Amino acid sequence: GAGVTGFQPMFVILILGGRALGPGFGFSLGMVSMFGS
């Protein structure tokens, strides 16, 4: 999703992962995903 559009498909994984597995998991998922990317 990097480029001139600003579109970031990774956000969908963060949102759906946090939704399915809870807020604590979603918080950790966001941190680890952004660091890994």
PDB file of all heavy atoms in Angstrom:
ATOM      1  N   GLY A   1       0.801  -1.221   0.000  1.00  0.00           N
ATOM      2  CA  GLY A   1       0.000   0.000   0.000  1.00  0.00           C
ATOM      3  C   GLY A   1       0.827   1.260   0.000  1.00  0.00           C
ATOM      4  O   GLY A   1       0.276   2.360  -0.025  1.00  0.00           O
ATOM      5  N   ALA A   2       2.150   1.118   0.093  1.00  0.00           N
ATOM      6  CA  ALA A   2       2.993   2.310   0.124  1.00  0.00           C
ATOM      7  C   ALA A   2       3.010   2.966  -1.242  1.00  0.00           C
ATOM      8  O   ALA A   2       3.029   2.306  -2.267  1.00  0.00           O
ATOM      9  CB  ALA A   2       4.417   1.939   0.555  1.00  0.00           C
ATOM     10  N   GLY A   3       3.021   4.260  -1.252  1.00  0.00           N
ATOM     11  CA  GLY A   3       3.031   4.976  -2.521  1.00  0.00           C
ATOM     12  C   GLY A   3       2.284   6.282  -2.423  1.00  0.00           C
ATOM     13  O   GLY A   3       2.122   6.851  -1.354  1.00  0.00           O
ATOM     14  N   VAL A   4       1.792   6.751  -3.562  1.00  0.00           N
ATOM     15  CA  VAL A   4       1.207   8.089  -3.623  1.00  0.00           C
ATOM     16  C   VAL A   4      -0.247   8.121  -3.180  1.00  0.00           C
ATOM     17  O   VAL A   4      -0.806   9.201  -3.003  1.00  0.00           O
ATOM     18  CB  VAL A   4       1.315   8.643  -5.062  1.00  0.00           C
ATOM     19  CG1 VAL A   4       2.765   8.797  -5.454  1.00  0.00           C
ATOM     20  CG2 VAL A   4       0.591   7.739  -6.061  1.00  0.00           C
ATOM     21  N   THR A   5      -0.877   6.957  -2.986  1.00  0.00           N
ATOM     22  CA  THR A   5      -2.303   6.963  -2.668  1.00  0.00           C
ATOM     23  C   THR A   5      -2.590   7.060  -1.182  1.00  0.00           C
ATOM     24  O   THR A   5      -3.637   7.550  -0.776  1.00  0.00           O
ATOM     25  CB  THR A   5      -2.987   5.699  -3.216  1.00  0.00           C
ATOM     26  OG1 THR A   5      -2.426   4.553  -2.565  1.00  0.00           O
ATOM     27  CG2 THR A   5      -2.768   5.588  -4.721  1.00  0.00           C
ATOM     28  N   GLY A   6      -1.692   6.562  -0.339  1.00  0.00           N
ATOM     29  CA  GLY A   6      -1.944   6.525   1.091  1.00  0.00           C
ATOM     30  C   GLY A   6      -2.677   5.297   1.551  1.00  0.00           C
ATOM     31  O   GLY A   6      -2.838   5.071   2.757  1.00  0.00           O
ATOM     32  N   PHE A   7      -3.156   4.461   0.638  1.00  0.00           N
ATOM     33  CA  PHE A   7      -3.907   3.252   0.983  1.00  0.00           C
ATOM     34  C   PHE A   7      -2.995   2.255   1.685  1.00  0.00           C
ATOM     35  O   PHE A   7      -1.895   1.973   1.227  1.00  0.00           O
ATOM     36  CB  PHE A   7      -4.498   2.653  -0.287  1.00  0.00           C
ATOM     37  CG  PHE A   7      -5.134   1.303  -0.095  1.00  0.00           C
ATOM     38  CD1 PHE A   7      -6.099   1.114   0.876  1.00  0.00           C
ATOM     39  CD2 PHE A   7      -4.764   0.235  -0.883  1.00  0.00           C
ATOM     40  CE1 PHE A   7      -6.691  -0.114   1.063  1.00  0.00           C
ATOM     41  CE2 PHE A   7      -5.351  -1.003  -0.712  1.00  0.00           C
ATOM     42  CZ  PHE A   7      -6.317  -1.177   0.256  1.00  0.00           C
ATOM     43  N   GLN A   8      -3.454   1.690   2.810  1.00  0.00           N
ATOM     44  CA  GLN A   8      -2.664   0.752   3.601  1.00  0.00           C
ATOM     45  C   GLN A   8      -3.502  -0.492   3.929  1.00  0.00           C
ATOM     46  O   GLN A   8      -4.282  -0.481   4.876  1.00  0.00           O
ATOM     47  CB  GLN A   8      -2.179   1.408   4.899  1.00  0.00           C
ATOM     48  CG  GLN A   8      -1.109   2.451   4.726  1.00  0.00           C
ATOM     49  CD  GLN A   8       0.239   1.834   4.354  1.00  0.00           C
ATOM     50  OE1 GLN A   8       0.389   0.618   4.347  1.00  0.00           O
ATOM     51  NE2 GLN A   8       1.201   2.666   4.029  1.00  0.00           N
ATOM     52  N   PRO A   9      -3.362  -1.578   3.157  1.00  0.00           N
ATOM     53  CA  PRO A   9      -4.164  -2.782   3.447  1.00  0.00           C
ATOM     54  C   PRO A   9      -3.847  -3.426   4.784  1.00  0.00           C
ATOM     55  O   PRO A   9      -4.653  -4.208   5.294  1.00  0.00           O
ATOM     56  CB  PRO A   9      -3.806  -3.716   2.276  1.00  0.00           C
ATOM     57  CG  PRO A   9      -2.511  -3.209   1.742  1.00  0.00           C
ATOM     58  CD  PRO A   9      -2.519  -1.732   1.959  1.00  0.00           C
ATOM     59  N   MET A  10      -2.679  -3.115   5.382  1.00  0.00           N
ATOM     60  CA  MET A  10      -2.350  -3.722   6.671  1.00  0.00           C
ATOM     61  C   MET A  10      -3.349  -3.342   7.760  1.00  0.00           C
ATOM     62  O   MET A  10      -3.543  -4.078   8.732  1.00  0.00           O
ATOM     63  CB  MET A  10      -0.931  -3.326   7.104  1.00  0.00           C
ATOM     64  CG  MET A  10      -0.780  -1.905   7.586  1.00  0.00           C
ATOM     65  SD  MET A  10       0.849  -1.553   8.329  1.00  0.00           S
ATOM     66  CE  MET A  10       0.800  -2.529   9.815  1.00  0.00           C
ATOM     67  N   PHE A  11      -4.011  -2.179   7.614  1.00  0.00           N
ATOM     68  CA  PHE A  11      -4.953  -1.732   8.635  1.00  0.00           C
ATOM     69  C   PHE A  11      -6.116  -2.700   8.777  1.00  0.00           C
ATOM     70  O   PHE A  11      -6.683  -2.831   9.862  1.00  0.00           O
ATOM     71  CB  PHE A  11      -5.472  -0.330   8.294  1.00  0.00           C
ATOM     72  CG  PHE A  11      -4.569   0.773   8.756  1.00  0.00           C
ATOM     73  CD1 PHE A  11      -3.365   1.012   8.125  1.00  0.00           C
ATOM     74  CD2 PHE A  11      -4.906   1.574   9.825  1.00  0.00           C
ATOM     75  CE1 PHE A  11      -2.513   2.014   8.546  1.00  0.00           C
ATOM     76  CE2 PHE A  11      -4.073   2.581  10.266  1.00  0.00           C
ATOM     77  CZ  PHE A  11      -2.872   2.798   9.627  1.00  0.00           C
ATOM     78  N   VAL A  12      -6.472  -3.376   7.704  1.00  0.00           N
ATOM     79  CA  VAL A  12      -7.586  -4.321   7.767  1.00  0.00           C
ATOM     80  C   VAL A  12      -7.226  -5.483   8.692  1.00  0.00           C
ATOM     81  O   VAL A  12      -8.067  -5.954   9.468  1.00  0.00           O
ATOM     82  CB  VAL A  12      -7.939  -4.820   6.357  1.00  0.00           C
ATOM     83  CG1 VAL A  12      -9.031  -5.873   6.421  1.00  0.00           C
ATOM     84  CG2 VAL A  12      -8.384  -3.654   5.482  1.00  0.00           C
ATOM     85  N   ILE A  13      -5.978  -5.955   8.638  1.00  0.00           N
ATOM     86  CA  ILE A  13      -5.548  -7.039   9.526  1.00  0.00           C
ATOM     87  C   ILE A  13      -5.565  -6.572  10.976  1.00  0.00           C
ATOM     88  O   ILE A  13      -5.982  -7.316  11.873  1.00  0.00           O
ATOM     89  CB  ILE A  13      -4.145  -7.525   9.135  1.00  0.00           C
ATOM     90  CG1 ILE A  13      -4.130  -7.999   7.682  1.00  0.00           C
ATOM     91  CG2 ILE A  13      -3.687  -8.633  10.068  1.00  0.00           C
ATOM     92  CD1 ILE A  13      -5.067  -9.145   7.391  1.00  0.00           C
ATOM     93  N   LEU A  14      -5.110  -5.345  11.220  1.00  0.00           N
ATOM     94  CA  LEU A  14      -5.115  -4.828  12.595  1.00  0.00           C
ATOM     95  C   LEU A  14      -6.538  -4.736  13.133  1.00  0.00           C
ATOM     96  O   LEU A  14      -6.805  -5.101  14.283  1.00  0.00           O
ATOM     97  CB  LEU A  14      -4.462  -3.443  12.641  1.00  0.00           C
ATOM     98  CG  LEU A  14      -3.044  -3.307  12.088  1.00  0.00           C
ATOM     99  CD1 LEU A  14      -2.523  -1.892  12.330  1.00  0.00           C
ATOM    100  CD2 LEU A  14      -2.121  -4.342  12.702  1.00  0.00           C
ATOM    101  N   ILE A  15      -7.444  -4.241  12.313  1.00  0.00           N
ATOM    102  CA  ILE A  15      -8.834  -4.060  12.754  1.00  0.00           C
ATOM    103  C   ILE A  15      -9.513  -5.399  12.984  1.00  0.00           C
ATOM    104  O   ILE A  15     -10.146  -5.632  14.026  1.00  0.00           O
ATOM    105  CB  ILE A  15      -9.601  -3.215  11.721  1.00  0.00           C
ATOM    106  CG1 ILE A  15      -9.067  -1.776  11.723  1.00  0.00           C
ATOM    107  CG2 ILE A  15     -11.103  -3.223  12.019  1.00  0.00           C
ATOM    108  CD1 ILE A  15      -9.597  -0.917  10.589  1.00  0.00           C
ATOM    109  N   LEU A  16      -9.381  -6.318  12.032  1.00  0.00           N
ATOM    110  CA  LEU A  16     -10.053  -7.610  12.164  1.00  0.00           C
ATOM    111  C   LEU A  16      -9.391  -8.478  13.235  1.00  0.00           C
ATOM    112  O   LEU A  16     -10.072  -9.207  13.957  1.00  0.00           O
ATOM    113  CB  LEU A  16     -10.056  -8.334  10.815  1.00  0.00           C
ATOM    114  CG  LEU A  16     -10.786  -7.600   9.683  1.00  0.00           C
ATOM    115  CD1 LEU A  16     -10.772  -8.433   8.410  1.00  0.00           C
ATOM    116  CD2 LEU A  16     -12.209  -7.257  10.083  1.00  0.00           C
ATOM    117  N   GLY A  17      -8.070  -8.391  13.373  1.00  0.00           N
ATOM    118  CA  GLY A  17      -7.396  -9.134  14.430  1.00  0.00           C
ATOM    119  C   GLY A  17      -7.789  -8.645  15.805  1.00  0.00           C
ATOM    120  O   GLY A  17      -8.056  -9.436  16.720  1.00  0.00           O
ATOM    121  N   GLY A  18      -7.834  -7.324  15.979  1.00  0.00           N
ATOM    122  CA  GLY A  18      -8.261  -6.770  17.258  1.00  0.00           C
ATOM    123  C   GLY A  18      -9.707  -7.090  17.554  1.00  0.00           C
ATOM    124  O   GLY A  18     -10.066  -7.378  18.708  1.00  0.00           O
ATOM    125  N   ARG A  19     -10.546  -7.060  16.523  1.00  0.00           N
ATOM    126  CA  ARG A  19     -11.965  -7.367  16.716  1.00  0.00           C
ATOM    127  C   ARG A  19     -12.172  -8.821  17.148  1.00  0.00           C
ATOM    128  O   ARG A  19     -12.942  -9.108  18.068  1.00  0.00           O
ATOM    129  CB  ARG A  19     -12.721  -7.108  15.405  1.00  0.00           C
ATOM    130  CG  ARG A  19     -14.186  -7.513  15.430  1.00  0.00           C
ATOM    131  CD  ARG A  19     -14.957  -6.731  16.464  1.00  0.00           C
ATOM    132  NE  ARG A  19     -16.358  -7.091  16.502  1.00  0.00           N
ATOM    133  CZ  ARG A  19     -17.222  -6.625  17.379  1.00  0.00           C
ATOM    134  NH1 ARG A  19     -16.831  -5.773  18.300  1.00  0.00           N
ATOM    135  NH2 ARG A  19     -18.488  -6.992  17.352  1.00  0.00           N
ATOM    136  N   ALA A  20     -11.470  -9.743  16.493  1.00  0.00           N
ATOM    137  CA  ALA A  20     -11.699 -11.163  16.758  1.00  0.00           C
ATOM    138  C   ALA A  20     -11.027 -11.640  18.035  1.00  0.00           C
ATOM    139  O   ALA A  20     -11.546 -12.553  18.696  1.00  0.00           O
ATOM    140  CB  ALA A  20     -11.203 -11.995  15.572  1.00  0.00           C
ATOM    141  N   LEU A  21      -9.893 -11.026  18.419  1.00  0.00           N
ATOM    142  CA  LEU A  21      -9.081 -11.583  19.494  1.00  0.00           C
ATOM    143  C   LEU A  21      -8.946 -10.666  20.702  1.00  0.00           C
ATOM    144  O   LEU A  21      -8.201 -10.974  21.630  1.00  0.00           O
ATOM    145  CB  LEU A  21      -7.698 -11.953  18.957  1.00  0.00           C
ATOM    146  CG  LEU A  21      -7.727 -13.021  17.859  1.00  0.00           C
ATOM    147  CD1 LEU A  21      -6.351 -13.209  17.247  1.00  0.00           C
ATOM    148  CD2 LEU A  21      -8.239 -14.339  18.406  1.00  0.00           C
ATOM    149  N   GLY A  22      -9.621  -9.518  20.699  1.00  0.00           N
ATOM    150  CA  GLY A  22      -9.671  -8.689  21.886  1.00  0.00           C
ATOM    151  C   GLY A  22      -8.752  -7.485  21.852  1.00  0.00           C
ATOM    152  O   GLY A  22      -7.811  -7.419  21.054  1.00  0.00           O
ATOM    153  N   PRO A  23      -9.014  -6.511  22.727  1.00  0.00           N
ATOM    154  CA  PRO A  23      -8.258  -5.253  22.711  1.00  0.00           C
ATOM    155  C   PRO A  23      -6.787  -5.412  23.061  1.00  0.00           C
ATOM    156  O   PRO A  23      -5.928  -4.741  22.481  1.00  0.00           O
ATOM    157  CB  PRO A  23      -8.992  -4.385  23.744  1.00  0.00           C
ATOM    158  CG  PRO A  23      -9.740  -5.349  24.609  1.00  0.00           C
ATOM    159  CD  PRO A  23     -10.102  -6.491  23.726  1.00  0.00           C
ATOM    160  N   GLY A  24      -6.460  -6.291  24.034  1.00  0.00           N
ATOM    161  CA  GLY A  24      -5.060  -6.494  24.388  1.00  0.00           C
ATOM    162  C   GLY A  24      -4.269  -7.053  23.223  1.00  0.00           C
ATOM    163  O   GLY A  24      -3.145  -6.612  22.933  1.00  0.00           O
ATOM    164  N   PHE A  25      -4.860  -8.016  22.533  1.00  0.00           N
ATOM    165  CA  PHE A  25      -4.221  -8.598  21.349  1.00  0.00           C
ATOM    166  C   PHE A  25      -4.109  -7.551  20.245  1.00  0.00           C
ATOM    167  O   PHE A  25      -3.080  -7.455  19.573  1.00  0.00           O
ATOM    168  CB  PHE A  25      -5.028  -9.795  20.851  1.00  0.00           C
ATOM    169  CG  PHE A  25      -4.362 -10.562  19.741  1.00  0.00           C
ATOM    170  CD1 PHE A  25      -3.573 -11.657  20.030  1.00  0.00           C
ATOM    171  CD2 PHE A  25      -4.534 -10.194  18.417  1.00  0.00           C
ATOM    172  CE1 PHE A  25      -2.952 -12.376  19.018  1.00  0.00           C
ATOM    173  CE2 PHE A  25      -3.920 -10.899  17.395  1.00  0.00           C
ATOM    174  CZ  PHE A  25      -3.124 -11.996  17.693  1.00  0.00           C
ATOM    175  N   GLY A  26      -5.166  -6.756  20.042  1.00  0.00           N
ATOM    176  CA  GLY A  26      -5.139  -5.735  18.999  1.00  0.00           C
ATOM    177  C   GLY A  26      -4.063  -4.699  19.244  1.00  0.00           C
ATOM    178  O   GLY A  26      -3.384  -4.254  18.295  1.00  0.00           O
ATOM    179  N   PHE A  27      -3.882  -4.293  20.497  1.00  0.00           N
ATOM    180  CA  PHE A  27      -2.836  -3.319  20.832  1.00  0.00           C
ATOM    181  C   PHE A  27      -1.457  -3.891  20.513  1.00  0.00           C
ATOM    182  O   PHE A  27      -0.627  -3.230  19.876  1.00  0.00           O
ATOM    183  CB  PHE A  27      -2.936  -2.965  22.318  1.00  0.00           C
ATOM    184  CG  PHE A  27      -2.091  -1.792  22.732  1.00  0.00           C
ATOM    185  CD1 PHE A  27      -2.600  -0.503  22.703  1.00  0.00           C
ATOM    186  CD2 PHE A  27      -0.788  -1.977  23.160  1.00  0.00           C
ATOM    187  CE1 PHE A  27      -1.822   0.585  23.087  1.00  0.00           C
ATOM    188  CE2 PHE A  27       0.007  -0.911  23.552  1.00  0.00           C
ATOM    189  CZ  PHE A  27      -0.515   0.379  23.510  1.00  0.00           C
ATOM    190  N   SER A  28      -1.210  -5.129  20.937  1.00  0.00           N
ATOM    191  CA  SER A  28       0.084  -5.769  20.677  1.00  0.00           C
ATOM    192  C   SER A  28       0.286  -6.003  19.180  1.00  0.00           C
ATOM    193  O   SER A  28       1.399  -5.825  18.662  1.00  0.00           O
ATOM    194  CB  SER A  28       0.170  -7.099  21.427  1.00  0.00           C
ATOM    195  OG  SER A  28       0.014  -6.910  22.810  1.00  0.00           O
ATOM    196  N   LEU A  29      -0.771  -6.392  18.485  1.00  0.00           N
ATOM    197  CA  LEU A  29      -0.678  -6.634  17.049  1.00  0.00           C
ATOM    198  C   LEU A  29      -0.277  -5.366  16.303  1.00  0.00           C
ATOM    199  O   LEU A  29       0.548  -5.413  15.385  1.00  0.00           O
ATOM    200  CB  LEU A  29      -2.016  -7.160  16.521  1.00  0.00           C
ATOM    201  CG  LEU A  29      -2.109  -7.428  15.015  1.00  0.00           C
ATOM    202  CD1 LEU A  29      -1.105  -8.493  14.589  1.00  0.00           C
ATOM    203  CD2 LEU A  29      -3.534  -7.852  14.641  1.00  0.00           C
ATOM    204  N   GLY A  30      -0.855  -4.234  16.681  1.00  0.00           N
ATOM    205  CA  GLY A  30      -0.496  -2.981  16.029  1.00  0.00           C
ATOM    206  C   GLY A  30       0.961  -2.630  16.224  1.00  0.00           C
ATOM    207  O   GLY A  30       1.658  -2.239  15.270  1.00  0.00           O
ATOM    208  N   MET A  31       1.456  -2.768  17.452  1.00  0.00           N
ATOM    209  CA  MET A  31       2.860  -2.448  17.724  1.00  0.00           C
ATOM    210  C   MET A  31       3.806  -3.363  16.957  1.00  0.00           C
ATOM    211  O   MET A  31       4.743  -2.910  16.298  1.00  0.00           O
ATOM    212  CB  MET A  31       3.143  -2.548  19.226  1.00  0.00           C
ATOM    213  CG  MET A  31       2.613  -1.399  20.046  1.00  0.00           C
ATOM    214  SD  MET A  31       3.387  -1.317  21.689  1.00  0.00           S
ATOM    215  CE  MET A  31       2.798  -2.848  22.403  1.00  0.00           C
ATOM    216  N   VAL A  32       3.578  -4.668  17.062  1.00  0.00           N
ATOM    217  CA  VAL A  32       4.490  -5.624  16.441  1.00  0.00           C
ATOM    218  C   VAL A  32       4.438  -5.523  14.917  1.00  0.00           C
ATOM    219  O   VAL A  32       5.480  -5.599  14.240  1.00  0.00           O
ATOM    220  CB  VAL A  32       4.146  -7.053  16.911  1.00  0.00           C
ATOM    221  CG1 VAL A  32       5.007  -8.087  16.200  1.00  0.00           C
ATOM    222  CG2 VAL A  32       4.326  -7.174  18.416  1.00  0.00           C
ATOM    223  N   SER A  33       3.247  -5.351  14.362  1.00  0.00           N
ATOM    224  CA  SER A  33       3.108  -5.264  12.903  1.00  0.00           C
ATOM    225  C   SER A  33       3.840  -4.058  12.339  1.00  0.00           C
ATOM    226  O   SER A  33       4.543  -4.151  11.323  1.00  0.00           O
ATOM    227  CB  SER A  33       1.627  -5.194  12.512  1.00  0.00           C
ATOM    228  OG  SER A  33       0.935  -6.338  12.933  1.00  0.00           O
ATOM    229  N   MET A  34       3.678  -2.906  12.987  1.00  0.00           N
ATOM    230  CA  MET A  34       4.323  -1.697  12.491  1.00  0.00           C
ATOM    231  C   MET A  34       5.839  -1.801  12.625  1.00  0.00           C
ATOM    232  O   MET A  34       6.577  -1.362  11.728  1.00  0.00           O
ATOM    233  CB  MET A  34       3.799  -0.481  13.245  1.00  0.00           C
ATOM    234  CG  MET A  34       4.207   0.851  12.634  1.00  0.00           C
ATOM    235  SD  MET A  34       3.639   1.084  10.921  1.00  0.00           S
ATOM    236  CE  MET A  34       1.875   1.357  11.182  1.00  0.00           C
ATOM    237  N   PHE A  35       6.315  -2.387  13.709  1.00  0.00           N
ATOM    238  CA  PHE A  35       7.756  -2.559  13.869  1.00  0.00           C
ATOM    239  C   PHE A  35       8.310  -3.527  12.822  1.00  0.00           C
ATOM    240  O   PHE A  35       9.355  -3.278  12.209  1.00  0.00           O
ATOM    241  CB  PHE A  35       8.078  -3.070  15.276  1.00  0.00           C
ATOM    242  CG  PHE A  35       9.549  -3.232  15.529  1.00  0.00           C
ATOM    243  CD1 PHE A  35      10.359  -2.133  15.747  1.00  0.00           C
ATOM    244  CD2 PHE A  35      10.126  -4.503  15.550  1.00  0.00           C
ATOM    245  CE1 PHE A  35      11.720  -2.277  15.981  1.00  0.00           C
ATOM    246  CE2 PHE A  35      11.483  -4.661  15.783  1.00  0.00           C
ATOM    247  CZ  PHE A  35      12.287  -3.540  15.999  1.00  0.00           C
ATOM    248  N   GLY A  36       7.592  -4.634  12.592  1.00  0.00           N
ATOM    249  CA  GLY A  36       8.030  -5.604  11.590  1.00  0.00           C
ATOM    250  C   GLY A  36       8.046  -5.013  10.192  1.00  0.00           C
ATOM    251  O   GLY A  36       8.984  -5.255   9.411  1.00  0.00           O
ATOM    252  N   SER A  37       7.043  -4.230   9.851  1.00  0.00           N
ATOM    253  CA  SER A  37       7.007  -3.609   8.521  1.00  0.00           C
ATOM    254  C   SER A  37       8.118  -2.587   8.363  1.00  0.00           C
ATOM    255  O   SER A  37       8.666  -2.411   7.270  1.00  0.00           O
ATOM    256  CB  SER A  37       5.648  -2.960   8.282  1.00  0.00           C
ATOM    257  OG  SER A  37       5.457  -1.844   9.135  1.00  0.00           O
TER     258      SER A  37
END
